[in-house]
Amino acid sequence: MKAEARVSQEQPDRLINISDRQYFACCILLFALIIGTIVVASSLFMTSAWTTYDTARFYAMADVIVKGATPYLDFQDPKPPLIFFTLALPTLLGQKYLGGLILVGLCNLASAILVTKMACELYGRFSGFIAGLLFTVNIAFAQGYFILTEPFTVTFILLATYLAGFTEKKHYLWAGISAGIAIGFKQYALLSVPLLAFLMWRNGDLRKVPSLLAGVLLPLIVIFAAIFLHYGVEAGVASLNWSFGVAATYLTEENMGTVTSYRTTDPLMLCANLAMAASVFTSLLVFALAGVVKDRRLDALEQYFLLSAVGFALTLAIRQYLHYWVLALPFFAFLCARQFRNGR
């Protein structure tokens, strides 16, 4: 019976008799095709009002940068600087939306590669394919192919995860740098810092947390120091305030000056919004969490995946935007793929 179970577990890999490297390459080519198709489809709607509210604000700030005006003074938006300066590049090239979509597509492909590689190393190549496919397809339902901060952010969170959990010597400094860059795109990436510290603790490396924190601070210091040096003290202070200082206002008020924060004040409406936001991914969530309930023997990385999935998903309690799911989806994909592990 044990031999039959083992053969059954390994059967998915035997269906395609190619090397692991060829299998991985085929997966990436498939994901690139899917991502390219969705990017092309998204480009047909990239000027629609329902797809561009946040994007329009990002490009308004990018225009400020390109025209030589002062970001955070001549225009305000409660996001860290990296998204604005990143989108300044396609703005300079005269391809605002198409260029932005291409950047989003490249980030999603990089994320799919990281998800696939990590799941392959943990659970075998079929599980790697499942994890990568779940991520690539499901983020489409989470507005992951819109020009928003999340596709950029999740790529660097996944890179930090790989550097902290999958490299032989555990490159915690570089993991911190990657997490710091993620924070430079979106504030919610701050959650990755205690999550990575938890993983370090489970790996017996808690004493190396200062390396992680130093890595987190390094890119943030460089980013904001550059604004202070180039645009002046007033702009530098404003950039810090709009990136992090407005957090309390964002959580408690409906508006931040000219910026609407869309805070839900009615508890019933909040519950309805949460239910609708979760309903899109009901099957994925149930499958992932059912696997954890069925087999509770989680190792350090799996505990990290579970905490990351739940932690990032809880940000929807603050705002019920579909794109808030993007940061949680790869970790739910890992938990789903875990159920197809074959011991390889």
C-alpha atoms as a PDB file:
ATOM      1  CA  MET A   1       0.000   0.000   0.000  1.00  0.00           C
ATOM      2  CA  LYS A   2       2.833   2.409   0.831  1.00  0.00           C
ATOM      3  CA  ALA A   3       4.503   1.686  -2.512  1.00  0.00           C
ATOM      4  CA  GLU A   4       1.218   2.322  -4.342  1.00  0.00           C
ATOM      5  CA  ALA A   5       0.764   5.622  -2.500  1.00  0.00           C
ATOM      6  CA  ARG A   6       4.289   6.691  -3.390  1.00  0.00           C
ATOM      7  CA  VAL A   7       3.768   5.855  -7.080  1.00  0.00           C
ATOM      8  CA  SER A   8       0.469   7.735  -7.003  1.00  0.00           C
ATOM      9  CA  GLN A   9       2.153  10.785  -5.507  1.00  0.00           C
ATOM     10  CA  GLU A  10       4.895  10.800  -8.130  1.00  0.00           C
ATOM     11  CA  GLN A  11       2.597  10.078 -11.082  1.00  0.00           C
ATOM     12  CA  PRO A  12       2.071  13.749 -12.115  1.00  0.00           C
ATOM     13  CA  ASP A  13       5.812  14.139 -12.766  1.00  0.00           C
ATOM     14  CA  ARG A  14       6.037  10.939 -14.802  1.00  0.00           C
ATOM     15  CA  LEU A  15       3.403  12.168 -17.220  1.00  0.00           C
ATOM     16  CA  ILE A  16       6.054  14.490 -18.700  1.00  0.00           C
ATOM     17  CA  ASN A  17       9.380  12.709 -19.044  1.00  0.00           C
ATOM     18  CA  ILE A  18      11.719  15.703 -19.251  1.00  0.00           C
ATOM     19  CA  SER A  19      14.405  17.083 -16.980  1.00  0.00           C
ATOM     20  CA  ASP A  20      13.580  19.396 -14.095  1.00  0.00           C
ATOM     21  CA  ARG A  21      15.247  22.301 -15.893  1.00  0.00           C
ATOM     22  CA  GLN A  22      13.193  21.717 -19.049  1.00  0.00           C
ATOM     23  CA  TYR A  23      10.027  21.338 -16.975  1.00  0.00           C
ATOM     24  CA  PHE A  24      10.732  24.637 -15.195  1.00  0.00           C
ATOM     25  CA  ALA A  25      11.404  26.383 -18.526  1.00  0.00           C
ATOM     26  CA  CYS A  26       8.117  25.076 -19.945  1.00  0.00           C
ATOM     27  CA  CYS A  27       6.254  26.376 -16.897  1.00  0.00           C
ATOM     28  CA  ILE A  28       7.782  29.825 -17.277  1.00  0.00           C
ATOM     29  CA  LEU A  29       7.002  29.919 -21.002  1.00  0.00           C
ATOM     30  CA  LEU A  30       3.376  29.043 -20.237  1.00  0.00           C
ATOM     31  CA  PHE A  31       3.143  31.710 -17.546  1.00  0.00           C
ATOM     32  CA  ALA A  32       4.763  34.267 -19.869  1.00  0.00           C
ATOM     33  CA  LEU A  33       2.145  33.436 -22.515  1.00  0.00           C
ATOM     34  CA  ILE A  34      -0.707  33.818 -20.008  1.00  0.00           C
ATOM     35  CA  ILE A  35       0.700  37.070 -18.630  1.00  0.00           C
ATOM     36  CA  GLY A  36       1.343  38.466 -22.107  1.00  0.00           C
ATOM     37  CA  THR A  37      -2.214  37.651 -23.169  1.00  0.00           C
ATOM     38  CA  ILE A  38      -3.714  39.320 -20.094  1.00  0.00           C
ATOM     39  CA  VAL A  39      -1.482  42.379 -20.512  1.00  0.00           C
ATOM     40  CA  VAL A  40      -2.634  42.749 -24.124  1.00  0.00           C
ATOM     41  CA  ALA A  41      -6.269  42.365 -23.027  1.00  0.00           C
ATOM     42  CA  SER A  42      -5.736  44.910 -20.233  1.00  0.00           C
ATOM     43  CA  SER A  43      -4.272  47.379 -22.714  1.00  0.00           C
ATOM     44  CA  LEU A  44      -7.665  47.525 -24.452  1.00  0.00           C
ATOM     45  CA  PHE A  45      -9.219  49.004 -21.306  1.00  0.00           C
ATOM     46  CA  MET A  46      -6.307  50.995 -19.895  1.00  0.00           C
ATOM     47  CA  THR A  47      -8.016  54.364 -20.339  1.00  0.00           C
ATOM     48  CA  SER A  48     -11.342  53.297 -18.793  1.00  0.00           C
ATOM     49  CA  ALA A  49     -12.322  55.228 -15.674  1.00  0.00           C
ATOM     50  CA  TRP A  50     -12.893  52.063 -13.625  1.00  0.00           C
ATOM     51  CA  THR A  51      -9.318  50.887 -14.205  1.00  0.00           C
ATOM     52  CA  THR A  52      -7.414  54.129 -13.829  1.00  0.00           C
ATOM     53  CA  TYR A  53      -8.435  56.094 -10.715  1.00  0.00           C
ATOM     54  CA  ASP A  54      -5.350  55.228  -8.655  1.00  0.00           C
ATOM     55  CA  THR A  55      -3.286  54.891 -11.813  1.00  0.00           C
ATOM     56  CA  ALA A  56      -4.232  58.413 -12.894  1.00  0.00           C
ATOM     57  CA  ARG A  57      -2.988  59.767  -9.568  1.00  0.00           C
ATOM     58  CA  PHE A  58       0.281  57.865  -9.923  1.00  0.00           C
ATOM     59  CA  TYR A  59       0.811  59.304 -13.380  1.00  0.00           C
ATOM     60  CA  ALA A  60      -0.133  62.785 -12.201  1.00  0.00           C
ATOM     61  CA  MET A  61       2.768  62.547  -9.757  1.00  0.00           C
ATOM     62  CA  ALA A  62       4.993  61.070 -12.468  1.00  0.00           C
ATOM     63  CA  ASP A  63       4.117  64.070 -14.655  1.00  0.00           C
ATOM     64  CA  VAL A  64       5.151  66.372 -11.814  1.00  0.00           C
ATOM     65  CA  ILE A  65       8.525  64.613 -11.675  1.00  0.00           C
ATOM     66  CA  VAL A  66       9.047  64.624 -15.445  1.00  0.00           C
ATOM     67  CA  LYS A  67       8.133  68.312 -15.764  1.00  0.00           C
ATOM     68  CA  GLY A  68      10.642  69.306 -13.102  1.00  0.00           C
ATOM     69  CA  ALA A  69       8.086  70.282 -10.459  1.00  0.00           C
ATOM     70  CA  THR A  70       8.235  69.081  -6.850  1.00  0.00           C
ATOM     71  CA  PRO A  71       6.622  65.766  -5.849  1.00  0.00           C
ATOM     72  CA  TYR A  72       4.536  65.768  -2.669  1.00  0.00           C
ATOM     73  CA  LEU A  73       4.306  69.592  -2.799  1.00  0.00           C
ATOM     74  CA  ASP A  74       2.893  70.337  -6.255  1.00  0.00           C
ATOM     75  CA  PHE A  75       0.839  67.139  -6.073  1.00  0.00           C
ATOM     76  CA  GLN A  76       0.070  64.840  -3.142  1.00  0.00           C
ATOM     77  CA  ASP A  77      -0.677  61.150  -2.902  1.00  0.00           C
ATOM     78  CA  PRO A  78      -0.305  58.829   0.121  1.00  0.00           C
ATOM     79  CA  LYS A  79       2.143  56.396  -1.440  1.00  0.00           C
ATOM     80  CA  PRO A  80       5.914  55.991  -1.017  1.00  0.00           C
ATOM     81  CA  PRO A  81       8.071  57.427  -3.812  1.00  0.00           C
ATOM     82  CA  LEU A  82       9.134  54.364  -5.813  1.00  0.00           C
ATOM     83  CA  ILE A  83       5.872  53.895  -7.722  1.00  0.00           C
ATOM     84  CA  PHE A  84       5.959  57.505  -8.942  1.00  0.00           C
ATOM     85  CA  PHE A  85       9.587  57.459 -10.022  1.00  0.00           C
ATOM     86  CA  THR A  86       9.141  54.046 -11.662  1.00  0.00           C
ATOM     87  CA  LEU A  87       6.210  55.303 -13.732  1.00  0.00           C
ATOM     88  CA  ALA A  88       8.164  58.411 -14.645  1.00  0.00           C
ATOM     89  CA  LEU A  89      10.174  56.175 -17.002  1.00  0.00           C
ATOM     90  CA  PRO A  90       7.317  55.228 -19.384  1.00  0.00           C
ATOM     91  CA  THR A  91       6.074  58.810 -19.053  1.00  0.00           C
ATOM     92  CA  LEU A  92       9.421  60.072 -20.316  1.00  0.00           C
ATOM     93  CA  LEU A  93       9.264  57.582 -23.186  1.00  0.00           C
ATOM     94  CA  GLY A  94       5.805  58.787 -24.197  1.00  0.00           C
ATOM     95  CA  GLN A  95       4.160  55.424 -23.459  1.00  0.00           C
ATOM     96  CA  LYS A  96       2.434  56.041 -20.144  1.00  0.00           C
ATOM     97  CA  TYR A  97      -0.114  53.274 -19.885  1.00  0.00           C
ATOM     98  CA  LEU A  98       1.341  50.714 -22.249  1.00  0.00           C
ATOM     99  CA  GLY A  99       4.782  51.137 -20.691  1.00  0.00           C
ATOM    100  CA  GLY A 100       3.285  50.805 -17.221  1.00  0.00           C
ATOM    101  CA  LEU A 101       1.428  47.634 -18.209  1.00  0.00           C
ATOM    102  CA  ILE A 102       4.630  46.144 -19.594  1.00  0.00           C
ATOM    103  CA  LEU A 103       6.390  46.868 -16.290  1.00  0.00           C
ATOM    104  CA  VAL A 104       3.492  45.258 -14.400  1.00  0.00           C
ATOM    105  CA  GLY A 105       3.648  42.226 -16.690  1.00  0.00           C
ATOM    106  CA  LEU A 106       7.393  41.846 -16.122  1.00  0.00           C
ATOM    107  CA  CYS A 107       6.901  42.041 -12.354  1.00  0.00           C
ATOM    108  CA  ASN A 108       4.140  39.437 -12.478  1.00  0.00           C
ATOM    109  CA  LEU A 109       6.361  37.142 -14.532  1.00  0.00           C
ATOM    110  CA  ALA A 110       9.220  37.591 -12.048  1.00  0.00           C
ATOM    111  CA  SER A 111       6.805  36.804  -9.199  1.00  0.00           C
ATOM    112  CA  ALA A 112       5.507  33.705 -11.002  1.00  0.00           C
ATOM    113  CA  ILE A 113       9.091  32.512 -11.502  1.00  0.00           C
ATOM    114  CA  LEU A 114       9.865  32.991  -7.800  1.00  0.00           C
ATOM    115  CA  VAL A 115       6.663  31.251  -6.695  1.00  0.00           C
ATOM    116  CA  THR A 116       7.317  28.322  -9.034  1.00  0.00           C
ATOM    117  CA  LYS A 117      10.951  27.950  -8.000  1.00  0.00           C
ATOM    118  CA  MET A 118      10.205  28.028  -4.273  1.00  0.00           C
ATOM    119  CA  ALA A 119       7.318  25.566  -4.544  1.00  0.00           C
ATOM    120  CA  CYS A 120       9.420  23.268  -6.746  1.00  0.00           C
ATOM    121  CA  GLU A 121      12.196  23.205  -4.164  1.00  0.00           C
ATOM    122  CA  LEU A 122       9.776  22.495  -1.331  1.00  0.00           C
ATOM    123  CA  TYR A 123       7.258  20.122  -2.845  1.00  0.00           C
ATOM    124  CA  GLY A 124       8.408  18.966  -6.283  1.00  0.00           C
ATOM    125  CA  ARG A 125       7.968  20.294  -9.774  1.00  0.00           C
ATOM    126  CA  PHE A 126       4.266  19.504 -10.222  1.00  0.00           C
ATOM    127  CA  SER A 127       3.496  21.458  -7.058  1.00  0.00           C
ATOM    128  CA  GLY A 128       5.696  24.241  -8.388  1.00  0.00           C
ATOM    129  CA  PHE A 129       3.629  24.373 -11.557  1.00  0.00           C
ATOM    130  CA  ILE A 130       0.380  24.418  -9.570  1.00  0.00           C
ATOM    131  CA  ALA A 131       1.602  27.248  -7.309  1.00  0.00           C
ATOM    132  CA  GLY A 132       2.827  29.329 -10.235  1.00  0.00           C
ATOM    133  CA  LEU A 133      -0.375  28.784 -12.204  1.00  0.00           C
ATOM    134  CA  LEU A 134      -2.613  29.636  -9.246  1.00  0.00           C
ATOM    135  CA  PHE A 135      -0.688  32.850  -8.671  1.00  0.00           C
ATOM    136  CA  THR A 136      -0.546  33.883 -12.336  1.00  0.00           C
ATOM    137  CA  VAL A 137      -4.255  33.365 -12.958  1.00  0.00           C
ATOM    138  CA  ASN A 138      -5.723  34.499  -9.646  1.00  0.00           C
ATOM    139  CA  ILE A 139      -3.999  37.873  -9.507  1.00  0.00           C
ATOM    140  CA  ALA A 140      -5.943  38.746 -12.659  1.00  0.00           C
ATOM    141  CA  PHE A 141      -9.079  38.659 -10.482  1.00  0.00           C
ATOM    142  CA  ALA A 142      -7.294  40.829  -7.898  1.00  0.00           C
ATOM    143  CA  GLN A 143      -6.619  43.659 -10.350  1.00  0.00           C
ATOM    144  CA  GLY A 144      -3.048  42.401 -10.507  1.00  0.00           C
ATOM    145  CA  TYR A 145      -2.734  43.459 -14.132  1.00  0.00           C
ATOM    146  CA  PHE A 146      -3.686  47.073 -13.418  1.00  0.00           C
ATOM    147  CA  ILE A 147      -0.969  49.685 -13.007  1.00  0.00           C
ATOM    148  CA  LEU A 148      -0.984  49.685  -9.213  1.00  0.00           C
ATOM    149  CA  THR A 149       1.646  49.315  -6.498  1.00  0.00           C
ATOM    150  CA  GLU A 150       0.923  45.694  -5.599  1.00  0.00           C
ATOM    151  CA  PRO A 151       2.549  43.901  -8.575  1.00  0.00           C
ATOM    152  CA  PHE A 152       5.819  45.706  -7.874  1.00  0.00           C
ATOM    153  CA  THR A 153       5.552  45.190  -4.119  1.00  0.00           C
ATOM    154  CA  VAL A 154       4.813  41.464  -4.185  1.00  0.00           C
ATOM    155  CA  THR A 155       7.808  40.763  -6.423  1.00  0.00           C
ATOM    156  CA  PHE A 156      10.206  42.147  -3.835  1.00  0.00           C
ATOM    157  CA  ILE A 157       8.374  40.471  -0.934  1.00  0.00           C
ATOM    158  CA  LEU A 158       8.769  37.135  -2.723  1.00  0.00           C
ATOM    159  CA  LEU A 159      12.425  37.868  -3.444  1.00  0.00           C
ATOM    160  CA  ALA A 160      12.941  38.619   0.255  1.00  0.00           C
ATOM    161  CA  THR A 161      11.241  35.315   1.084  1.00  0.00           C
ATOM    162  CA  TYR A 162      13.524  33.430  -1.276  1.00  0.00           C
ATOM    163  CA  LEU A 163      16.680  35.074   0.086  1.00  0.00           C
ATOM    164  CA  ALA A 164      15.686  34.460   3.711  1.00  0.00           C
ATOM    165  CA  GLY A 165      14.249  30.979   3.387  1.00  0.00           C
ATOM    166  CA  PHE A 166      15.656  29.194   0.359  1.00  0.00           C
ATOM    167  CA  THR A 167      19.301  30.170  -0.087  1.00  0.00           C
ATOM    168  CA  GLU A 168      21.917  27.943   1.502  1.00  0.00           C
ATOM    169  CA  LYS A 169      23.567  30.686   3.552  1.00  0.00           C
ATOM    170  CA  LYS A 170      20.368  32.677   4.237  1.00  0.00           C
ATOM    171  CA  HIS A 171      21.122  36.145   2.876  1.00  0.00           C
ATOM    172  CA  TYR A 172      19.231  38.136   5.509  1.00  0.00           C
ATOM    173  CA  LEU A 173      20.833  41.475   4.630  1.00  0.00           C
ATOM    174  CA  TRP A 174      19.737  41.144   1.004  1.00  0.00           C
ATOM    175  CA  ALA A 175      16.326  39.914   2.132  1.00  0.00           C
ATOM    176  CA  GLY A 176      16.023  43.103   4.165  1.00  0.00           C
ATOM    177  CA  ILE A 177      17.077  45.221   1.187  1.00  0.00           C
ATOM    178  CA  SER A 178      14.407  43.546  -0.931  1.00  0.00           C
ATOM    179  CA  ALA A 179      11.786  44.117   1.778  1.00  0.00           C
ATOM    180  CA  GLY A 180      12.888  47.751   2.035  1.00  0.00           C
ATOM    181  CA  ILE A 181      12.387  48.217  -1.705  1.00  0.00           C
ATOM    182  CA  ALA A 182       8.924  46.651  -1.360  1.00  0.00           C
ATOM    183  CA  ILE A 183       8.108  49.195   1.362  1.00  0.00           C
ATOM    184  CA  GLY A 184       9.300  51.900  -1.024  1.00  0.00           C
ATOM    185  CA  PHE A 185       6.388  50.891  -3.271  1.00  0.00           C
ATOM    186  CA  LYS A 186       3.682  50.235  -0.656  1.00  0.00           C
ATOM    187  CA  GLN A 187       3.456  50.733   3.087  1.00  0.00           C
ATOM    188  CA  TYR A 188       1.747  47.386   3.754  1.00  0.00           C
ATOM    189  CA  ALA A 189       5.021  45.688   2.873  1.00  0.00           C
ATOM    190  CA  LEU A 190       6.098  46.724   6.388  1.00  0.00           C
ATOM    191  CA  LEU A 191       4.263  43.567   7.485  1.00  0.00           C
ATOM    192  CA  SER A 192       6.954  41.527   5.767  1.00  0.00           C
ATOM    193  CA  VAL A 193       9.547  42.663   8.333  1.00  0.00           C
ATOM    194  CA  PRO A 194       8.043  40.941  11.424  1.00  0.00           C
ATOM    195  CA  LEU A 195       7.080  37.987   9.230  1.00  0.00           C
ATOM    196  CA  LEU A 196      10.672  37.563   8.053  1.00  0.00           C
ATOM    197  CA  ALA A 197      11.862  37.989  11.647  1.00  0.00           C
ATOM    198  CA  PHE A 198       9.506  35.150  12.616  1.00  0.00           C
ATOM    199  CA  LEU A 199      11.042  32.946   9.923  1.00  0.00           C
ATOM    200  CA  MET A 200      14.508  33.807  11.208  1.00  0.00           C
ATOM    201  CA  TRP A 201      13.440  32.877  14.732  1.00  0.00           C
ATOM    202  CA  ARG A 202      12.094  29.526  13.533  1.00  0.00           C
ATOM    203  CA  ASN A 203      15.386  28.962  11.697  1.00  0.00           C
ATOM    204  CA  GLY A 204      17.328  29.691  14.894  1.00  0.00           C
ATOM    205  CA  ASP A 205      18.769  32.910  13.453  1.00  0.00           C
ATOM    206  CA  LEU A 206      17.052  35.509  15.631  1.00  0.00           C
ATOM    207  CA  ARG A 207      20.430  37.034  16.523  1.00  0.00           C
ATOM    208  CA  LYS A 208      20.815  37.996  12.846  1.00  0.00           C
ATOM    209  CA  VAL A 209      17.710  40.208  12.856  1.00  0.00           C
ATOM    210  CA  PRO A 210      19.901  43.371  12.949  1.00  0.00           C
ATOM    211  CA  SER A 211      21.183  42.371   9.489  1.00  0.00           C
ATOM    212  CA  LEU A 212      17.603  42.162   8.248  1.00  0.00           C
ATOM    213  CA  LEU A 213      16.694  45.538   9.758  1.00  0.00           C
ATOM    214  CA  ALA A 214      19.823  47.171   8.362  1.00  0.00           C
ATOM    215  CA  GLY A 215      18.862  45.867   4.939  1.00  0.00           C
ATOM    216  CA  VAL A 216      15.317  47.229   5.287  1.00  0.00           C
ATOM    217  CA  LEU A 217      16.565  50.684   6.262  1.00  0.00           C
ATOM    218  CA  LEU A 218      19.238  50.963   3.581  1.00  0.00           C
ATOM    219  CA  PRO A 219      17.019  51.437   0.480  1.00  0.00           C
ATOM    220  CA  LEU A 220      14.558  53.601   2.412  1.00  0.00           C
ATOM    221  CA  ILE A 221      17.360  55.900   3.557  1.00  0.00           C
ATOM    222  CA  VAL A 222      18.671  56.128  -0.007  1.00  0.00           C
ATOM    223  CA  ILE A 223      15.200  56.851  -1.445  1.00  0.00           C
ATOM    224  CA  PHE A 224      14.239  59.603   0.980  1.00  0.00           C
ATOM    225  CA  ALA A 225      17.746  61.062   1.199  1.00  0.00           C
ATOM    226  CA  ALA A 226      17.673  61.477  -2.580  1.00  0.00           C
ATOM    227  CA  ILE A 227      14.424  63.449  -2.303  1.00  0.00           C
ATOM    228  CA  PHE A 228      15.868  65.657   0.460  1.00  0.00           C
ATOM    229  CA  LEU A 229      19.009  66.319  -1.577  1.00  0.00           C
ATOM    230  CA  HIS A 230      17.332  66.925  -4.942  1.00  0.00           C
ATOM    231  CA  TYR A 231      14.071  68.632  -3.981  1.00  0.00           C
ATOM    232  CA  GLY A 232      14.910  70.192  -0.616  1.00  0.00           C
ATOM    233  CA  VAL A 233      13.949  69.769   3.005  1.00  0.00           C
ATOM    234  CA  GLU A 234      10.295  70.752   2.608  1.00  0.00           C
ATOM    235  CA  ALA A 235       9.734  68.158  -0.112  1.00  0.00           C
ATOM    236  CA  GLY A 236      11.654  65.548   1.874  1.00  0.00           C
ATOM    237  CA  VAL A 237       9.531  66.098   4.972  1.00  0.00           C
ATOM    238  CA  ALA A 238       6.375  66.028   2.848  1.00  0.00           C
ATOM    239  CA  SER A 239       7.449  62.746   1.233  1.00  0.00           C
ATOM    240  CA  LEU A 240       7.913  61.148   4.653  1.00  0.00           C
ATOM    241  CA  ASN A 241       4.594  62.521   5.857  1.00  0.00           C
ATOM    242  CA  TRP A 242       2.611  61.345   2.817  1.00  0.00           C
ATOM    243  CA  SER A 243       4.360  57.971   2.862  1.00  0.00           C
ATOM    244  CA  PHE A 244       4.052  57.168   6.564  1.00  0.00           C
ATOM    245  CA  GLY A 245       2.848  60.154   8.602  1.00  0.00           C
ATOM    246  CA  VAL A 246      -0.704  60.039   7.249  1.00  0.00           C
ATOM    247  CA  ALA A 247      -1.259  56.468   8.452  1.00  0.00           C
ATOM    248  CA  ALA A 248      -3.457  57.466  11.401  1.00  0.00           C
ATOM    249  CA  THR A 249      -5.541  59.778   9.215  1.00  0.00           C
ATOM    250  CA  TYR A 250      -5.881  57.068   6.566  1.00  0.00           C
ATOM    251  CA  LEU A 251      -7.162  54.627   9.162  1.00  0.00           C
ATOM    252  CA  THR A 252      -9.600  56.977  10.904  1.00  0.00           C
ATOM    253  CA  GLU A 253     -10.760  59.623   8.402  1.00  0.00           C
ATOM    254  CA  GLU A 254     -12.670  59.533   5.133  1.00  0.00           C
ATOM    255  CA  ASN A 255     -10.451  62.124   3.461  1.00  0.00           C
ATOM    256  CA  MET A 256      -6.854  63.322   3.622  1.00  0.00           C
ATOM    257  CA  GLY A 257      -6.970  66.821   2.250  1.00  0.00           C
ATOM    258  CA  THR A 258      -7.751  66.454  -1.451  1.00  0.00           C
ATOM    259  CA  VAL A 259      -7.267  62.679  -1.360  1.00  0.00           C
ATOM    260  CA  THR A 260     -10.328  60.505  -0.723  1.00  0.00           C
ATOM    261  CA  SER A 261      -9.454  57.462   1.372  1.00  0.00           C
ATOM    262  CA  TYR A 262     -12.756  55.581   0.886  1.00  0.00           C
ATOM    263  CA  ARG A 263     -13.068  54.445   4.471  1.00  0.00           C
ATOM    264  CA  THR A 264     -16.178  52.416   5.225  1.00  0.00           C
ATOM    265  CA  THR A 265     -17.834  53.703   8.410  1.00  0.00           C
ATOM    266  CA  ASP A 266     -20.945  51.494   8.453  1.00  0.00           C
ATOM    267  CA  PRO A 267     -20.201  48.094  10.119  1.00  0.00           C
ATOM    268  CA  LEU A 268     -22.823  46.349   7.987  1.00  0.00           C
ATOM    269  CA  MET A 269     -21.334  47.798   4.814  1.00  0.00           C
ATOM    270  CA  LEU A 270     -17.869  46.773   5.999  1.00  0.00           C
ATOM    271  CA  CYS A 271     -19.014  43.166   6.441  1.00  0.00           C
ATOM    272  CA  ALA A 272     -20.698  43.210   3.038  1.00  0.00           C
ATOM    273  CA  ASN A 273     -17.579  44.606   1.370  1.00  0.00           C
ATOM    274  CA  LEU A 274     -15.386  41.995   3.063  1.00  0.00           C
ATOM    275  CA  ALA A 275     -17.718  39.195   1.994  1.00  0.00           C
ATOM    276  CA  MET A 276     -17.708  40.392  -1.610  1.00  0.00           C
ATOM    277  CA  ALA A 277     -13.922  40.814  -1.642  1.00  0.00           C
ATOM    278  CA  ALA A 278     -13.434  37.300  -0.244  1.00  0.00           C
ATOM    279  CA  SER A 279     -16.033  35.677  -2.502  1.00  0.00           C
ATOM    280  CA  VAL A 280     -13.801  36.069  -5.558  1.00  0.00           C
ATOM    281  CA  PHE A 281     -11.233  33.721  -4.024  1.00  0.00           C
ATOM    282  CA  THR A 282     -13.490  31.419  -1.986  1.00  0.00           C
ATOM    283  CA  SER A 283     -12.291  28.199  -3.647  1.00  0.00           C
ATOM    284  CA  LEU A 284      -8.620  29.135  -3.312  1.00  0.00           C
ATOM    285  CA  LEU A 285      -8.973  30.113   0.349  1.00  0.00           C
ATOM    286  CA  VAL A 286     -10.981  27.032   1.307  1.00  0.00           C
ATOM    287  CA  PHE A 287      -8.575  24.691  -0.490  1.00  0.00           C
ATOM    288  CA  ALA A 288      -5.506  26.287   1.108  1.00  0.00           C
ATOM    289  CA  LEU A 289      -6.889  26.386   4.640  1.00  0.00           C
ATOM    290  CA  ALA A 290      -8.449  22.911   4.386  1.00  0.00           C
ATOM    291  CA  GLY A 291      -5.006  21.533   3.588  1.00  0.00           C
ATOM    292  CA  VAL A 292      -3.602  23.155   6.715  1.00  0.00           C
ATOM    293  CA  VAL A 293      -6.413  21.737   8.852  1.00  0.00           C
ATOM    294  CA  LYS A 294      -5.966  18.268   7.346  1.00  0.00           C
ATOM    295  CA  ASP A 295      -2.194  18.217   7.834  1.00  0.00           C
ATOM    296  CA  ARG A 296      -1.126  20.518  10.645  1.00  0.00           C
ATOM    297  CA  ARG A 297       2.523  19.451  10.602  1.00  0.00           C
ATOM    298  CA  LEU A 298       3.820  22.746   9.310  1.00  0.00           C
ATOM    299  CA  ASP A 299       7.540  23.370   9.098  1.00  0.00           C
ATOM    300  CA  ALA A 300       9.084  26.826   9.579  1.00  0.00           C
ATOM    301  CA  LEU A 301       8.496  27.964   5.998  1.00  0.00           C
ATOM    302  CA  GLU A 302       4.917  26.707   5.964  1.00  0.00           C
ATOM    303  CA  GLN A 303       4.181  28.530   9.204  1.00  0.00           C
ATOM    304  CA  TYR A 304       5.627  31.639   7.561  1.00  0.00           C
ATOM    305  CA  PHE A 305       3.418  31.089   4.496  1.00  0.00           C
ATOM    306  CA  LEU A 306       0.316  30.747   6.666  1.00  0.00           C
ATOM    307  CA  LEU A 307       1.074  33.853   8.731  1.00  0.00           C
ATOM    308  CA  SER A 308       1.898  35.845   5.590  1.00  0.00           C
ATOM    309  CA  ALA A 309      -1.286  34.746   3.828  1.00  0.00           C
ATOM    310  CA  VAL A 310      -3.467  35.652   6.802  1.00  0.00           C
ATOM    311  CA  GLY A 311      -1.522  38.804   7.691  1.00  0.00           C
ATOM    312  CA  PHE A 312      -1.674  40.369   4.243  1.00  0.00           C
ATOM    313  CA  ALA A 313      -5.296  39.272   3.770  1.00  0.00           C
ATOM    314  CA  LEU A 314      -6.247  41.104   6.972  1.00  0.00           C
ATOM    315  CA  THR A 315      -5.340  44.411   5.316  1.00  0.00           C
ATOM    316  CA  LEU A 316      -8.715  44.104   3.582  1.00  0.00           C
ATOM    317  CA  ALA A 317     -10.283  45.009   6.914  1.00  0.00           C
ATOM    318  CA  ILE A 318      -8.774  48.472   6.368  1.00  0.00           C
ATOM    319  CA  ARG A 319      -9.870  48.902   2.741  1.00  0.00           C
ATOM    320  CA  GLN A 320     -11.830  46.349   0.745  1.00  0.00           C
ATOM    321  CA  TYR A 321     -10.020  46.803  -2.561  1.00  0.00           C
ATOM    322  CA  LEU A 322      -9.546  43.679  -4.660  1.00  0.00           C
ATOM    323  CA  HIS A 323      -5.903  44.538  -5.319  1.00  0.00           C
ATOM    324  CA  TYR A 324      -5.184  44.194  -1.593  1.00  0.00           C
ATOM    325  CA  TRP A 325      -5.369  40.433  -2.203  1.00  0.00           C
ATOM    326  CA  VAL A 326      -2.266  40.489  -4.398  1.00  0.00           C
ATOM    327  CA  LEU A 327       0.203  40.436  -1.487  1.00  0.00           C
ATOM    328  CA  ALA A 328      -1.541  37.444   0.114  1.00  0.00           C
ATOM    329  CA  LEU A 329      -2.195  35.348  -3.004  1.00  0.00           C
ATOM    330  CA  PRO A 330       1.267  33.800  -3.503  1.00  0.00           C
ATOM    331  CA  PHE A 331       1.250  32.504   0.055  1.00  0.00           C
ATOM    332  CA  PHE A 332      -2.200  30.962  -0.383  1.00  0.00           C
ATOM    333  CA  ALA A 333      -0.863  29.424  -3.609  1.00  0.00           C
ATOM    334  CA  PHE A 334       1.991  27.821  -1.649  1.00  0.00           C
ATOM    335  CA  LEU A 335      -0.485  26.336   0.835  1.00  0.00           C
ATOM    336  CA  CYS A 336      -2.571  24.929  -2.030  1.00  0.00           C
ATOM    337  CA  ALA A 337       0.474  23.470  -3.790  1.00  0.00           C
ATOM    338  CA  ARG A 338       1.552  21.833  -0.531  1.00  0.00           C
ATOM    339  CA  GLN A 339      -1.243  19.303  -0.977  1.00  0.00           C
ATOM    340  CA  PHE A 340       0.366  18.018  -4.195  1.00  0.00           C
ATOM    341  CA  ARG A 341       3.814  17.507  -2.700  1.00  0.00           C
ATOM    342  CA  ASN A 342       5.541  14.343  -3.842  1.00  0.00           C
ATOM    343  CA  GLY A 343       8.621  14.316  -1.618  1.00  0.00           C
ATOM    344  CA  ARG A 344      11.025  15.318  -4.402  1.00  0.00           C
END
